[in-house]
Each structure stands twice: as C-alpha cells, then as structure tokens.
C-alpha cells in the first residue's frame, strides 16, 4: 500500500479556474469574429428598414401633392353674369320735337351674380360698372366688396343714373332716330378677387364682364343684351 506521503504528493496543488463564458475560448479571437457578422446583419436590416420607410413617405407625399394639384389647388375661373338689366326711370325731354337734338336721362338697375366653382372661398373687392354710349362714359355704378363660399353664387344689384345729355347733343341725336333704333349702349364691369385655398395657396383674379344692349326709349326696356366674361 502506498503510504500517506505518496497520496499527498499525487494530489494536484490547484484546480484550473472555470472559463468566464462557460465554455472554452478558442485561441486567436474566434469569439469576436463570430459576433461581427451578427452586428453587420442587424445594421443592414436597420438600413433597409429606414430606406423603405423613407421611400414610402416620399411616395405618399408625392401622391398627396398630385391629388391636391388636380383637385384643391386647381383654380377654376369664376363667372360673372348679368342676370338682368332693368329701366327704373326714363326721362326724355324734348321728345315732341323729332327733328331737334334731344337728351335721355335714365336710371338702370343691373342684377349681377358671381359664381365660384372652386373648393376654396372667393373674396372680391369693391367693383365698378361703367356704362358707355358712343364710346363716352354716361354713368358709373358701384358695388361693395363681397365673399362667395365654395361652390356658391353671390348676387348683387347695382343702380346707375345714365345721363346722355351731352353725348346725344354732340352726336346730333334726334328724337326720331332714338325712337326708331333706341340707344346702342355698352357696360364694363371689373371685379378684383382672390381665391384662398386653406391659407396655403392664394391666387389673385381679375374678372371682367362686357355687355352690349339697346335702350328702347319708346318701351322703356332693355333689348338685345349680350355679355361676355373674361378672367385674367
């Protein structure tokens, strides 16, 4: 039998310390080389995800802008219409003398409407309507500023005193000529407005209405009225 001294010499002096990671670590840094591919894959996934989100956001914004450009931000031209022109008062002094120059004094009322075909509101400033006879101004009517909601029509009446005394005298208009053919007159309305789309997009408009008509002195009526609207 072995003696007690031989057993004590066979016993190891110290035990090896356990590995911190629980497994033996190969030499040469193989652990670090195993972790690097996983980090690279995660970084690539994050980059692809960010690029996808950015691309989707750009596409959505582009589609939204395109839809707004084709609908909301597409400004349509408002329409100004003279619905009617009436003679409120007519006075023709010297009508009994058919060979002498005469004058015509009349009070006219114009029924004007402004139609807004846009999805945004329309505001217009004070406007004027000028009446002409033989190229000379014989009367001016004034209309206040107004507001037209989307897809709505606003109407207003303007009254003007037409004084053709000087014009008729200068053109040697006689009572017979006036009664037979009436007075060939015209009117011009200029309205400055602005369309406001959600407070983002604003567009100024200049709406013009030109009309021609005949003032029938004998019947105290307006005939052959023709109007055209232009927008700038």
Protein backbone atom coordinates (compact mmCIF):
# COMPACT_ATOMS: atom_id res chain seq x y z
CA UNK A 1 0.00 0.00 0.00
CA UNK A 2 1.02 3.43 -0.73
CA UNK A 3 1.90 5.50 2.18
CA UNK A 4 0.11 8.68 3.17
CA UNK A 5 3.07 10.71 1.94
CA UNK A 6 2.73 9.29 -1.61
CA UNK A 7 -1.02 10.20 -1.76
CA UNK A 8 -0.35 13.75 -0.74
CA UNK A 9 2.26 14.10 -3.45
CA UNK A 10 -0.17 12.74 -6.14
CA UNK A 11 -2.90 15.28 -5.27
CA UNK A 12 -2.86 18.36 -7.60
CA UNK A 13 -1.81 21.56 -5.99
CA UNK A 14 -4.61 23.80 -7.58
CA UNK A 15 -7.66 23.46 -9.81
CA UNK A 16 -7.94 25.32 -13.10
CA UNK A 17 -10.22 28.35 -12.92
CA UNK A 18 -13.50 27.97 -14.86
CA UNK A 19 -13.92 29.93 -18.08
CA UNK A 20 -15.81 33.18 -17.68
CA UNK A 21 -18.07 32.44 -20.66
CA UNK A 22 -18.82 28.93 -19.52
CA UNK A 23 -17.06 27.33 -22.49
CA UNK A 24 -13.50 27.20 -23.57
CA UNK A 25 -12.46 30.16 -25.67
CA UNK A 26 -10.52 29.22 -28.73
CA UNK A 27 -7.27 30.98 -29.28
CA UNK A 28 -6.90 33.59 -31.95
CA UNK A 29 -10.07 35.69 -31.18
CA UNK A 30 -12.62 33.38 -32.82
CA UNK A 31 -15.33 34.72 -30.45
CA UNK A 32 -15.01 38.29 -31.80
CA UNK A 33 -15.06 37.03 -35.36
CA UNK A 34 -18.31 35.19 -34.57
CA UNK A 35 -20.04 38.32 -33.21
CA UNK A 36 -19.15 40.68 -36.07
CA UNK A 37 -21.37 39.06 -38.76
CA UNK A 38 -24.41 39.35 -36.48
CA UNK A 39 -23.81 43.09 -35.99
CA UNK A 40 -23.41 43.61 -39.70
CA UNK A 41 -26.69 41.82 -40.43
CA UNK A 42 -28.51 43.98 -37.87
CA UNK A 43 -27.05 47.16 -39.34
CA UNK A 44 -28.09 46.13 -42.83
CA UNK A 45 -31.63 45.35 -41.67
CA UNK A 46 -31.91 48.75 -40.00
CA UNK A 47 -30.60 50.48 -43.13
CA UNK A 48 -33.06 48.63 -45.37
CA UNK A 49 -35.92 49.41 -42.99
CA UNK A 50 -35.06 53.13 -42.88
CA UNK A 51 -34.76 53.27 -46.68
CA UNK A 52 -38.12 51.56 -47.05
CA UNK A 53 -39.82 53.99 -44.67
CA UNK A 54 -38.28 57.00 -46.42
CA UNK A 55 -39.31 55.70 -49.83
CA UNK A 56 -42.87 55.03 -48.68
CA UNK A 57 -43.09 58.51 -47.15
CA UNK A 58 -41.85 60.15 -50.35
CA UNK A 59 -44.35 58.17 -52.44
CA UNK A 60 -47.25 59.06 -50.14
CA UNK A 61 -46.30 62.77 -50.18
CA UNK A 62 -45.98 62.70 -53.96
CA UNK A 63 -49.39 61.10 -54.41
CA UNK A 64 -50.94 63.57 -51.95
CA UNK A 65 -49.42 66.56 -53.73
CA UNK A 66 -50.57 65.21 -57.09
CA UNK A 67 -54.13 64.72 -55.84
CA UNK A 68 -54.19 68.22 -54.32
CA UNK A 69 -52.79 69.72 -57.52
CA UNK A 70 -55.51 68.07 -59.59
CA UNK A 71 -58.35 68.94 -57.20
CA UNK A 72 -57.95 71.52 -54.46
CA UNK A 73 -55.14 73.62 -55.93
CA UNK A 74 -56.57 73.67 -59.44
CA UNK A 75 -58.21 77.08 -59.53
CA UNK A 76 -61.16 77.40 -61.88
CA UNK A 77 -62.27 80.73 -63.34
CA UNK A 78 -65.21 82.35 -61.54
CA UNK A 79 -68.12 83.51 -63.67
CA UNK A 80 -69.75 86.93 -63.57
CA UNK A 81 -73.20 87.12 -65.12
CA UNK A 82 -75.59 89.99 -65.68
CA UNK A 83 -78.89 88.26 -64.98
CA UNK A 84 -80.96 91.29 -65.84
CA UNK A 85 -80.88 94.98 -66.65
CA UNK A 86 -83.98 96.99 -65.88
CA UNK A 87 -85.09 100.56 -66.52
CA UNK A 88 -86.29 102.11 -63.27
CA UNK A 89 -86.78 105.63 -64.59
CA UNK A 90 -86.62 107.21 -68.03
CA UNK A 91 -86.91 110.87 -68.95
CA UNK A 92 -86.57 112.21 -72.50
CA UNK A 93 -87.05 115.99 -72.62
CA UNK A 94 -87.97 117.49 -75.98
CA UNK A 95 -89.33 114.20 -77.32
CA UNK A 96 -92.13 116.06 -79.10
CA UNK A 97 -89.69 117.74 -81.48
CA UNK A 98 -88.49 114.89 -83.70
CA UNK A 99 -86.00 116.97 -85.71
CA UNK A 100 -84.20 118.61 -82.81
CA UNK A 101 -81.40 117.08 -80.72
CA UNK A 102 -82.67 115.53 -77.50
CA UNK A 103 -81.17 114.03 -74.37
CA UNK A 104 -82.01 110.87 -72.47
CA UNK A 105 -81.80 110.52 -68.70
CA UNK A 106 -82.43 107.08 -67.21
CA UNK A 107 -81.93 105.10 -64.04
CA UNK A 108 -80.88 101.50 -64.62
CA UNK A 109 -80.54 98.59 -62.19
CA UNK A 110 -78.25 95.69 -63.07
CA UNK A 111 -78.64 92.27 -61.43
CA UNK A 112 -75.13 90.76 -61.33
CA UNK A 113 -74.10 87.38 -59.93
CA UNK A 114 -70.64 85.98 -59.14
CA UNK A 115 -70.30 82.19 -59.28
CA UNK A 116 -67.42 80.46 -57.51
CA UNK A 117 -66.75 76.94 -58.89
CA UNK A 118 -63.77 76.26 -56.59
CA UNK A 119 -63.42 74.27 -53.38
CA UNK A 120 -61.99 77.41 -51.77
CA UNK A 121 -63.67 80.70 -50.94
CA UNK A 122 -63.57 83.77 -53.18
CA UNK A 123 -63.28 87.32 -51.92
CA UNK A 124 -63.74 90.28 -54.21
CA UNK A 125 -63.12 93.96 -53.68
CA UNK A 126 -65.25 96.98 -54.43
CA UNK A 127 -66.18 96.94 -58.10
CA UNK A 128 -67.43 99.42 -60.66
CA UNK A 129 -69.70 99.10 -63.68
CA UNK A 130 -69.23 101.74 -66.36
CA UNK A 131 -71.93 102.46 -68.94
CA UNK A 132 -70.99 103.86 -72.36
CA UNK A 133 -72.79 105.50 -75.22
CA UNK A 134 -70.88 106.19 -78.44
CA UNK A 135 -67.62 105.45 -76.63
CA UNK A 136 -68.21 108.03 -73.87
CA UNK A 137 -68.97 107.26 -70.24
CA UNK A 138 -72.56 108.16 -69.35
CA UNK A 139 -72.82 106.52 -65.95
CA UNK A 140 -70.90 104.63 -63.26
CA UNK A 141 -72.32 102.14 -60.75
CA UNK A 142 -70.50 101.00 -57.61
CA UNK A 143 -70.80 97.65 -55.84
CA UNK A 144 -69.43 96.78 -52.37
CA UNK A 145 -66.90 94.09 -51.62
CA UNK A 146 -68.19 90.60 -51.04
CA UNK A 147 -67.48 86.99 -50.20
CA UNK A 148 -68.50 83.85 -52.07
CA UNK A 149 -68.24 80.46 -50.40
CA UNK A 150 -67.12 77.40 -52.29
CA UNK A 151 -69.47 76.14 -54.97
CA UNK A 152 -71.82 79.05 -54.26
CA UNK A 153 -73.13 82.07 -56.17
CA UNK A 154 -73.48 85.59 -54.78
CA UNK A 155 -75.86 88.12 -56.30
CA UNK A 156 -75.88 91.88 -56.05
CA UNK A 157 -77.84 94.75 -57.54
CA UNK A 158 -76.16 97.92 -58.74
CA UNK A 159 -78.02 101.09 -59.70
CA UNK A 160 -76.74 103.77 -62.03
CA UNK A 161 -78.05 107.07 -63.35
CA UNK A 162 -77.42 107.27 -67.10
CA UNK A 163 -77.07 110.84 -68.31
CA UNK A 164 -76.68 111.11 -72.07
CA UNK A 165 -77.45 114.83 -72.42
CA UNK A 166 -74.04 115.94 -73.59
CA UNK A 167 -73.35 112.81 -75.62
CA UNK A 168 -76.58 112.97 -77.56
CA UNK A 169 -76.15 116.66 -78.23
CA UNK A 170 -72.61 116.14 -79.52
CA UNK A 171 -73.70 113.34 -81.85
CA UNK A 172 -76.74 115.30 -83.07
CA UNK A 173 -79.09 112.55 -81.95
CA UNK A 174 -82.68 113.36 -82.83
CA UNK A 175 -85.87 112.07 -81.26
CA UNK A 176 -86.86 110.18 -84.41
CA UNK A 177 -83.52 108.34 -84.56
CA UNK A 178 -83.66 107.49 -80.86
CA UNK A 179 -87.24 106.22 -81.02
CA UNK A 180 -86.65 104.18 -84.18
CA UNK A 181 -83.42 102.47 -83.19
CA UNK A 182 -83.00 103.18 -79.48
CA UNK A 183 -79.67 103.85 -77.85
CA UNK A 184 -76.86 101.38 -78.55
CA UNK A 185 -75.05 101.19 -75.22
CA UNK A 186 -72.46 99.03 -73.52
CA UNK A 187 -71.26 98.31 -70.00
CA UNK A 188 -67.99 97.19 -68.47
CA UNK A 189 -67.65 95.58 -65.03
CA UNK A 190 -64.25 94.97 -63.41
CA UNK A 191 -64.03 92.82 -60.26
CA UNK A 192 -60.75 92.09 -58.48
CA UNK A 193 -60.87 88.92 -56.38
CA UNK A 194 -58.72 86.34 -54.62
CA UNK A 195 -59.13 82.60 -54.13
CA UNK A 196 -57.69 81.33 -50.84
CA UNK A 197 -57.02 77.58 -50.59
CA UNK A 198 -56.64 76.58 -46.91
CA UNK A 199 -54.46 79.62 -46.31
CA UNK A 200 -51.66 77.86 -48.22
CA UNK A 201 -52.22 78.77 -51.85
CA UNK A 202 -53.63 82.12 -52.94
CA UNK A 203 -54.37 83.36 -56.43
CA UNK A 204 -55.46 86.83 -57.50
CA UNK A 205 -58.08 87.10 -60.24
CA UNK A 206 -59.30 89.97 -62.38
CA UNK A 207 -62.83 89.26 -63.60
CA UNK A 208 -64.23 91.41 -66.40
CA UNK A 209 -67.77 91.49 -67.76
CA UNK A 210 -68.52 93.24 -71.06
CA UNK A 211 -72.10 93.73 -72.23
CA UNK A 212 -73.84 95.43 -75.13
CA UNK A 213 -77.53 96.29 -75.20
CA UNK A 214 -80.11 98.64 -76.65
CA UNK A 215 -82.06 101.06 -74.50
CA UNK A 216 -85.52 101.16 -76.03
CA UNK A 217 -86.76 104.65 -75.22
CA UNK A 218 -90.28 104.09 -76.51
CA UNK A 219 -90.88 100.92 -74.48
CA UNK A 220 -88.59 101.81 -71.56
CA UNK A 221 -86.93 98.40 -71.78
CA UNK A 222 -83.57 96.83 -72.48
CA UNK A 223 -83.24 94.62 -75.56
CA UNK A 224 -80.54 92.65 -77.41
CA UNK A 225 -78.37 92.24 -74.31
CA UNK A 226 -75.19 90.21 -74.96
CA UNK A 227 -72.47 89.66 -72.34
CA UNK A 228 -69.04 88.04 -72.22
CA UNK A 229 -66.88 87.20 -69.21
CA UNK A 230 -63.07 87.13 -69.19
CA UNK A 231 -60.76 86.23 -66.30
CA UNK A 232 -57.10 87.23 -66.03
